[in-house]
Amino acid sequence: MREVRLLLLLLTVSMLSACAKNIELIKSMSTSTRDNVFQESVGEAAIPSGYAHLNILVSLKTHKAGLYPFEKKAHGTADYMLLLNIDGQATHIRGELTVEDSAGFSRDAEAGEGIRYNFKKGVRLKAGRHRITVAIPDDEVVFVGDIVLSEGSTNVLVLEPVYGRMQGKQRPGFYGRTSFTQGIDGFKAFLNGRAL
């Protein structure tokens, strides 16, 4: 019994330290240390020599605002934003909000009434290797990865949410079920269709 208590204590401490690391990372990446890494790119303009184009796409769902009376986060509002940092240059991205009530299959992580956010950003940056960090400050979720862009290329970075696991007793065959109502635990990232 003592070993079980010790194991639970260690798991709790490691989870809290991971959250603290994410908070510190988000704070540090929300301030730009450079301003010449990328520029916003609008439309289908020609890509200059030595540069590449990158579209960042994120679609996720949260609960509606006011669902939890004491919550101080921006879920369900226009203030719920995505933070993008490429090689030290940071910007906040506002999402397009739509109310969504999808009656999906019982294992569908996005089934139910909530707010759909679609975040989109197109940037032009020098061809080569870049460190990209995408975060949702309200959920303390961070993705960090390295990407390589070839000269003259148009690239698409898609981040798909990994939702939290449902709590409580679950029916056989439904263990590990996730739902947007449980928040976001992380991201799966794909550059031009290939997992990062």
C-alpha atoms as a PDB file:
ATOM      1  CA  MET A   1       0.000   0.000   0.000  1.00  0.00           C
ATOM      2  CA  ARG A   2       2.869   2.325   0.798  1.00  0.00           C
ATOM      3  CA  GLU A   3       4.358   1.761  -2.673  1.00  0.00           C
ATOM      4  CA  VAL A   4       1.051   2.689  -4.301  1.00  0.00           C
ATOM      5  CA  ARG A   5       0.893   5.957  -2.333  1.00  0.00           C
ATOM      6  CA  LEU A   6       4.494   6.743  -3.251  1.00  0.00           C
ATOM      7  CA  LEU A   7       3.781   6.014  -6.928  1.00  0.00           C
ATOM      8  CA  LEU A   8       0.710   8.297  -6.887  1.00  0.00           C
ATOM      9  CA  LEU A   9       2.737  11.052  -5.233  1.00  0.00           C
ATOM     10  CA  LEU A  10       5.498  10.752  -7.843  1.00  0.00           C
ATOM     11  CA  LEU A  11       2.969  10.853 -10.699  1.00  0.00           C
ATOM     12  CA  THR A  12       1.317  13.957  -9.249  1.00  0.00           C
ATOM     13  CA  VAL A  13       4.647  15.743  -8.796  1.00  0.00           C
ATOM     14  CA  SER A  14       5.763  14.903 -12.350  1.00  0.00           C
ATOM     15  CA  MET A  15       2.456  16.165 -13.806  1.00  0.00           C
ATOM     16  CA  LEU A  16       2.726  19.418 -11.854  1.00  0.00           C
ATOM     17  CA  SER A  17       6.323  19.934 -12.955  1.00  0.00           C
ATOM     18  CA  ALA A  18       5.345  19.337 -16.612  1.00  0.00           C
ATOM     19  CA  CYS A  19       2.583  21.964 -16.294  1.00  0.00           C
ATOM     20  CA  ALA A  20       5.024  24.398 -14.705  1.00  0.00           C
ATOM     21  CA  LYS A  21       7.485  23.853 -17.569  1.00  0.00           C
ATOM     22  CA  ASN A  22       4.740  24.535 -20.129  1.00  0.00           C
ATOM     23  CA  ILE A  23       3.725  27.739 -18.329  1.00  0.00           C
ATOM     24  CA  GLU A  24       7.322  28.980 -18.312  1.00  0.00           C
ATOM     25  CA  LEU A  25       7.802  28.046 -21.978  1.00  0.00           C
ATOM     26  CA  ILE A  26       4.608  29.881 -22.974  1.00  0.00           C
ATOM     27  CA  LYS A  27       5.691  32.984 -21.038  1.00  0.00           C
ATOM     28  CA  SER A  28       9.120  32.987 -22.660  1.00  0.00           C
ATOM     29  CA  MET A  29       7.848  32.394 -26.199  1.00  0.00           C
ATOM     30  CA  SER A  30       5.073  35.000 -26.044  1.00  0.00           C
ATOM     31  CA  THR A  31       7.625  37.809 -26.298  1.00  0.00           C
ATOM     32  CA  SER A  32       9.485  38.256 -29.575  1.00  0.00           C
ATOM     33  CA  THR A  33      13.260  38.202 -29.398  1.00  0.00           C
ATOM     34  CA  ARG A  34      13.472  38.762 -33.178  1.00  0.00           C
ATOM     35  CA  ASP A  35      11.245  40.505 -35.697  1.00  0.00           C
ATOM     36  CA  ASN A  36      12.732  39.515 -39.049  1.00  0.00           C
ATOM     37  CA  VAL A  37      12.050  35.752 -39.203  1.00  0.00           C
ATOM     38  CA  PHE A  38       8.715  35.773 -41.034  1.00  0.00           C
ATOM     39  CA  GLN A  39       6.169  38.129 -42.493  1.00  0.00           C
ATOM     40  CA  GLU A  40       2.480  37.569 -42.897  1.00  0.00           C
ATOM     41  CA  SER A  41       1.642  36.409 -46.366  1.00  0.00           C
ATOM     42  CA  VAL A  42      -1.740  37.159 -47.904  1.00  0.00           C
ATOM     43  CA  GLY A  43      -3.039  35.658 -51.111  1.00  0.00           C
ATOM     44  CA  GLU A  44      -1.124  33.794 -53.795  1.00  0.00           C
ATOM     45  CA  ALA A  45       1.797  36.187 -54.264  1.00  0.00           C
ATOM     46  CA  ALA A  46       4.932  34.818 -55.924  1.00  0.00           C
ATOM     47  CA  ILE A  47       7.500  33.405 -53.514  1.00  0.00           C
ATOM     48  CA  PRO A  48      10.784  35.338 -53.734  1.00  0.00           C
ATOM     49  CA  SER A  49      14.067  33.533 -54.317  1.00  0.00           C
ATOM     50  CA  GLY A  50      15.448  31.983 -51.126  1.00  0.00           C
ATOM     51  CA  TYR A  51      12.060  31.908 -49.366  1.00  0.00           C
ATOM     52  CA  ALA A  52       9.244  29.455 -48.694  1.00  0.00           C
ATOM     53  CA  HIS A  53       5.578  29.792 -47.788  1.00  0.00           C
ATOM     54  CA  LEU A  54       4.035  28.127 -44.718  1.00  0.00           C
ATOM     55  CA  ASN A  55       0.314  27.835 -43.930  1.00  0.00           C
ATOM     56  CA  ILE A  56      -0.488  26.968 -40.306  1.00  0.00           C
ATOM     57  CA  LEU A  57      -3.930  25.381 -39.748  1.00  0.00           C
ATOM     58  CA  VAL A  58      -5.457  24.393 -36.415  1.00  0.00           C
ATOM     59  CA  SER A  59      -9.076  23.353 -35.856  1.00  0.00           C
ATOM     60  CA  LEU A  60     -10.299  22.458 -32.375  1.00  0.00           C
ATOM     61  CA  LYS A  61     -13.356  22.509 -30.173  1.00  0.00           C
ATOM     62  CA  THR A  62     -13.911  23.810 -26.630  1.00  0.00           C
ATOM     63  CA  HIS A  63     -16.867  24.109 -24.329  1.00  0.00           C
ATOM     64  CA  LYS A  64     -19.063  27.204 -24.400  1.00  0.00           C
ATOM     65  CA  ALA A  65     -18.278  30.246 -22.268  1.00  0.00           C
ATOM     66  CA  GLY A  66     -19.869  30.219 -18.823  1.00  0.00           C
ATOM     67  CA  LEU A  67     -20.232  26.447 -18.594  1.00  0.00           C
ATOM     68  CA  TYR A  68     -18.044  26.396 -15.493  1.00  0.00           C
ATOM     69  CA  PRO A  69     -18.985  29.334 -13.205  1.00  0.00           C
ATOM     70  CA  PHE A  70     -15.554  29.861 -11.630  1.00  0.00           C
ATOM     71  CA  GLU A  71     -13.427  29.324 -14.731  1.00  0.00           C
ATOM     72  CA  LYS A  72     -11.210  32.286 -15.579  1.00  0.00           C
ATOM     73  CA  LYS A  73     -10.078  31.002 -18.962  1.00  0.00           C
ATOM     74  CA  ALA A  74     -11.260  32.343 -22.326  1.00  0.00           C
ATOM     75  CA  HIS A  75     -12.941  29.132 -23.550  1.00  0.00           C
ATOM     76  CA  GLY A  76     -15.860  29.909 -25.857  1.00  0.00           C
ATOM     77  CA  THR A  77     -14.839  33.560 -26.417  1.00  0.00           C
ATOM     78  CA  ALA A  78     -12.922  35.516 -29.049  1.00  0.00           C
ATOM     79  CA  ASP A  79     -10.081  35.961 -26.524  1.00  0.00           C
ATOM     80  CA  TYR A  80      -9.151  32.268 -26.824  1.00  0.00           C
ATOM     81  CA  MET A  81      -6.055  32.536 -29.032  1.00  0.00           C
ATOM     82  CA  LEU A  82      -3.221  30.547 -30.481  1.00  0.00           C
ATOM     83  CA  LEU A  83       0.378  31.642 -29.892  1.00  0.00           C
ATOM     84  CA  LEU A  84       2.879  31.081 -32.721  1.00  0.00           C
ATOM     85  CA  ASN A  85       6.631  31.505 -32.357  1.00  0.00           C
ATOM     86  CA  ILE A  86       9.072  30.771 -35.173  1.00  0.00           C
ATOM     87  CA  ASP A  87      12.769  31.139 -34.340  1.00  0.00           C
ATOM     88  CA  GLY A  88      12.018  33.798 -31.707  1.00  0.00           C
ATOM     89  CA  GLN A  89       9.406  35.875 -33.557  1.00  0.00           C
ATOM     90  CA  ALA A  90       6.017  35.616 -31.847  1.00  0.00           C
ATOM     91  CA  THR A  91       2.467  36.448 -32.861  1.00  0.00           C
ATOM     92  CA  HIS A  92      -1.020  35.718 -31.540  1.00  0.00           C
ATOM     93  CA  ILE A  93      -3.604  34.264 -33.921  1.00  0.00           C
ATOM     94  CA  ARG A  94      -7.325  34.824 -33.457  1.00  0.00           C
ATOM     95  CA  GLY A  95      -9.605  32.029 -34.500  1.00  0.00           C
ATOM     96  CA  GLU A  96     -12.876  32.046 -36.374  1.00  0.00           C
ATOM     97  CA  LEU A  97     -15.575  30.914 -33.939  1.00  0.00           C
ATOM     98  CA  THR A  98     -18.704  28.928 -34.743  1.00  0.00           C
ATOM     99  CA  VAL A  99     -21.196  27.286 -32.426  1.00  0.00           C
ATOM    100  CA  GLU A 100     -21.241  23.579 -33.189  1.00  0.00           C
ATOM    101  CA  ASP A 101     -23.599  20.877 -31.969  1.00  0.00           C
ATOM    102  CA  SER A 102     -22.555  17.681 -33.662  1.00  0.00           C
ATOM    103  CA  ALA A 103     -24.421  14.514 -32.828  1.00  0.00           C
ATOM    104  CA  GLY A 104     -21.590  12.170 -33.681  1.00  0.00           C
ATOM    105  CA  PHE A 105     -20.776   8.573 -32.910  1.00  0.00           C
ATOM    106  CA  SER A 106     -20.398   7.966 -29.167  1.00  0.00           C
ATOM    107  CA  ARG A 107     -16.595   7.589 -29.524  1.00  0.00           C
ATOM    108  CA  ASP A 108     -16.249  10.863 -31.474  1.00  0.00           C
ATOM    109  CA  ALA A 109     -14.097  13.182 -29.333  1.00  0.00           C
ATOM    110  CA  GLU A 110     -15.833  16.234 -30.819  1.00  0.00           C
ATOM    111  CA  ALA A 111     -19.448  15.077 -30.416  1.00  0.00           C
ATOM    112  CA  GLY A 112     -21.655  17.476 -28.492  1.00  0.00           C
ATOM    113  CA  GLU A 113     -22.367  21.175 -28.175  1.00  0.00           C
ATOM    114  CA  GLY A 114     -19.385  23.507 -28.069  1.00  0.00           C
ATOM    115  CA  ILE A 115     -17.397  26.208 -29.868  1.00  0.00           C
ATOM    116  CA  ARG A 116     -15.327  25.351 -32.961  1.00  0.00           C
ATOM    117  CA  TYR A 117     -12.166  27.417 -33.483  1.00  0.00           C
ATOM    118  CA  ASN A 118     -10.416  27.559 -36.843  1.00  0.00           C
ATOM    119  CA  PHE A 119      -6.987  29.175 -36.661  1.00  0.00           C
ATOM    120  CA  LYS A 120      -5.213  30.029 -39.926  1.00  0.00           C
ATOM    121  CA  LYS A 121      -1.995  31.881 -40.615  1.00  0.00           C
ATOM    122  CA  GLY A 122       0.112  32.144 -43.759  1.00  0.00           C
ATOM    123  CA  VAL A 123       3.720  33.279 -43.417  1.00  0.00           C
ATOM    124  CA  ARG A 124       6.709  33.725 -45.705  1.00  0.00           C
ATOM    125  CA  LEU A 125      10.120  32.848 -44.298  1.00  0.00           C
ATOM    126  CA  LYS A 126      13.584  31.949 -45.492  1.00  0.00           C
ATOM    127  CA  ALA A 127      14.025  28.423 -46.795  1.00  0.00           C
ATOM    128  CA  GLY A 128      15.817  26.066 -44.417  1.00  0.00           C
ATOM    129  CA  ARG A 129      15.424  24.709 -40.883  1.00  0.00           C
ATOM    130  CA  HIS A 130      13.177  26.480 -38.386  1.00  0.00           C
ATOM    131  CA  ARG A 131      12.085  25.871 -34.791  1.00  0.00           C
ATOM    132  CA  ILE A 132       8.328  26.316 -34.538  1.00  0.00           C
ATOM    133  CA  THR A 133       6.387  26.549 -31.300  1.00  0.00           C
ATOM    134  CA  VAL A 134       2.582  26.629 -31.177  1.00  0.00           C
ATOM    135  CA  ALA A 135       0.738  27.044 -27.878  1.00  0.00           C
ATOM    136  CA  ILE A 136      -2.679  27.626 -26.409  1.00  0.00           C
ATOM    137  CA  PRO A 137      -1.896  29.756 -23.349  1.00  0.00           C
ATOM    138  CA  ASP A 138      -5.313  29.192 -21.726  1.00  0.00           C
ATOM    139  CA  ASP A 139      -4.859  25.423 -21.775  1.00  0.00           C
ATOM    140  CA  GLU A 140      -1.086  25.476 -21.106  1.00  0.00           C
ATOM    141  CA  VAL A 141      -0.552  23.222 -24.124  1.00  0.00           C
ATOM    142  CA  VAL A 142       2.618  23.562 -26.200  1.00  0.00           C
ATOM    143  CA  PHE A 143       3.925  21.935 -29.364  1.00  0.00           C
ATOM    144  CA  VAL A 144       7.603  22.399 -30.276  1.00  0.00           C
ATOM    145  CA  GLY A 145       9.115  20.995 -33.452  1.00  0.00           C
ATOM    146  CA  ASP A 146      11.720  21.534 -36.136  1.00  0.00           C
ATOM    147  CA  ILE A 147      10.693  21.895 -39.763  1.00  0.00           C
ATOM    148  CA  VAL A 148      12.713  22.125 -42.958  1.00  0.00           C
ATOM    149  CA  LEU A 149      11.304  24.154 -45.866  1.00  0.00           C
ATOM    150  CA  SER A 150      12.779  24.043 -49.340  1.00  0.00           C
ATOM    151  CA  GLU A 151      13.218  27.147 -51.471  1.00  0.00           C
ATOM    152  CA  GLY A 152      10.132  28.186 -53.445  1.00  0.00           C
ATOM    153  CA  SER A 153       7.901  25.629 -51.722  1.00  0.00           C
ATOM    154  CA  THR A 154       4.385  26.079 -50.381  1.00  0.00           C
ATOM    155  CA  ASN A 155       3.905  24.062 -47.191  1.00  0.00           C
ATOM    156  CA  VAL A 156       1.025  23.245 -44.861  1.00  0.00           C
ATOM    157  CA  LEU A 157       1.462  22.604 -41.136  1.00  0.00           C
ATOM    158  CA  VAL A 158      -1.664  21.067 -39.590  1.00  0.00           C
ATOM    159  CA  LEU A 159      -2.000  20.634 -35.843  1.00  0.00           C
ATOM    160  CA  GLU A 160      -4.737  18.302 -34.622  1.00  0.00           C
ATOM    161  CA  PRO A 161      -5.828  18.456 -30.970  1.00  0.00           C
ATOM    162  CA  VAL A 162      -5.431  15.532 -28.598  1.00  0.00           C
ATOM    163  CA  TYR A 163      -8.332  15.802 -26.159  1.00  0.00           C
ATOM    164  CA  GLY A 164      -8.361  14.676 -22.531  1.00  0.00           C
ATOM    165  CA  ARG A 165      -9.653  11.293 -21.432  1.00  0.00           C
ATOM    166  CA  MET A 166     -13.176  10.913 -20.052  1.00  0.00           C
ATOM    167  CA  GLN A 167     -13.328  10.330 -16.312  1.00  0.00           C
ATOM    168  CA  GLY A 168     -15.380   7.773 -14.440  1.00  0.00           C
ATOM    169  CA  LYS A 169     -16.468   4.244 -15.168  1.00  0.00           C
ATOM    170  CA  GLN A 170     -16.681   3.416 -18.854  1.00  0.00           C
ATOM    171  CA  ARG A 171     -18.378   0.593 -20.683  1.00  0.00           C
ATOM    172  CA  PRO A 172     -16.295  -2.300 -22.022  1.00  0.00           C
ATOM    173  CA  GLY A 173     -14.794  -1.412 -25.379  1.00  0.00           C
ATOM    174  CA  PHE A 174     -14.922   2.329 -24.610  1.00  0.00           C
ATOM    175  CA  TYR A 175     -11.846   2.608 -22.390  1.00  0.00           C
ATOM    176  CA  GLY A 176      -9.592   5.518 -23.238  1.00  0.00           C
ATOM    177  CA  ARG A 177     -12.432   7.563 -24.738  1.00  0.00           C
ATOM    178  CA  THR A 178     -11.523  11.228 -25.189  1.00  0.00           C
ATOM    179  CA  SER A 179     -13.715  14.331 -25.395  1.00  0.00           C
ATOM    180  CA  PHE A 180     -13.274  18.039 -26.068  1.00  0.00           C
ATOM    181  CA  THR A 181     -15.150  18.643 -22.798  1.00  0.00           C
ATOM    182  CA  GLN A 182     -12.071  17.319 -20.967  1.00  0.00           C
ATOM    183  CA  GLY A 183      -9.770  19.970 -22.458  1.00  0.00           C
ATOM    184  CA  ILE A 184      -6.757  19.655 -24.729  1.00  0.00           C
ATOM    185  CA  ASP A 185      -3.764  17.546 -23.702  1.00  0.00           C
ATOM    186  CA  GLY A 186      -1.544  18.220 -26.716  1.00  0.00           C
ATOM    187  CA  PHE A 187      -1.215  18.261 -30.495  1.00  0.00           C
ATOM    188  CA  LYS A 188      -0.385  15.895 -33.321  1.00  0.00           C
ATOM    189  CA  ALA A 189       1.501  17.797 -36.012  1.00  0.00           C
ATOM    190  CA  PHE A 190       1.694  17.089 -39.751  1.00  0.00           C
ATOM    191  CA  LEU A 191       3.849  18.957 -42.253  1.00  0.00           C
ATOM    192  CA  ASN A 192       2.601  18.395 -45.811  1.00  0.00           C
ATOM    193  CA  GLY A 193       0.740  15.291 -44.624  1.00  0.00           C
ATOM    194  CA  ARG A 194       3.715  13.694 -42.815  1.00  0.00           C
ATOM    195  CA  ALA A 195       3.774  13.365 -39.025  1.00  0.00           C
ATOM    196  CA  LEU A 196       6.391  15.417 -37.184  1.00  0.00           C
END
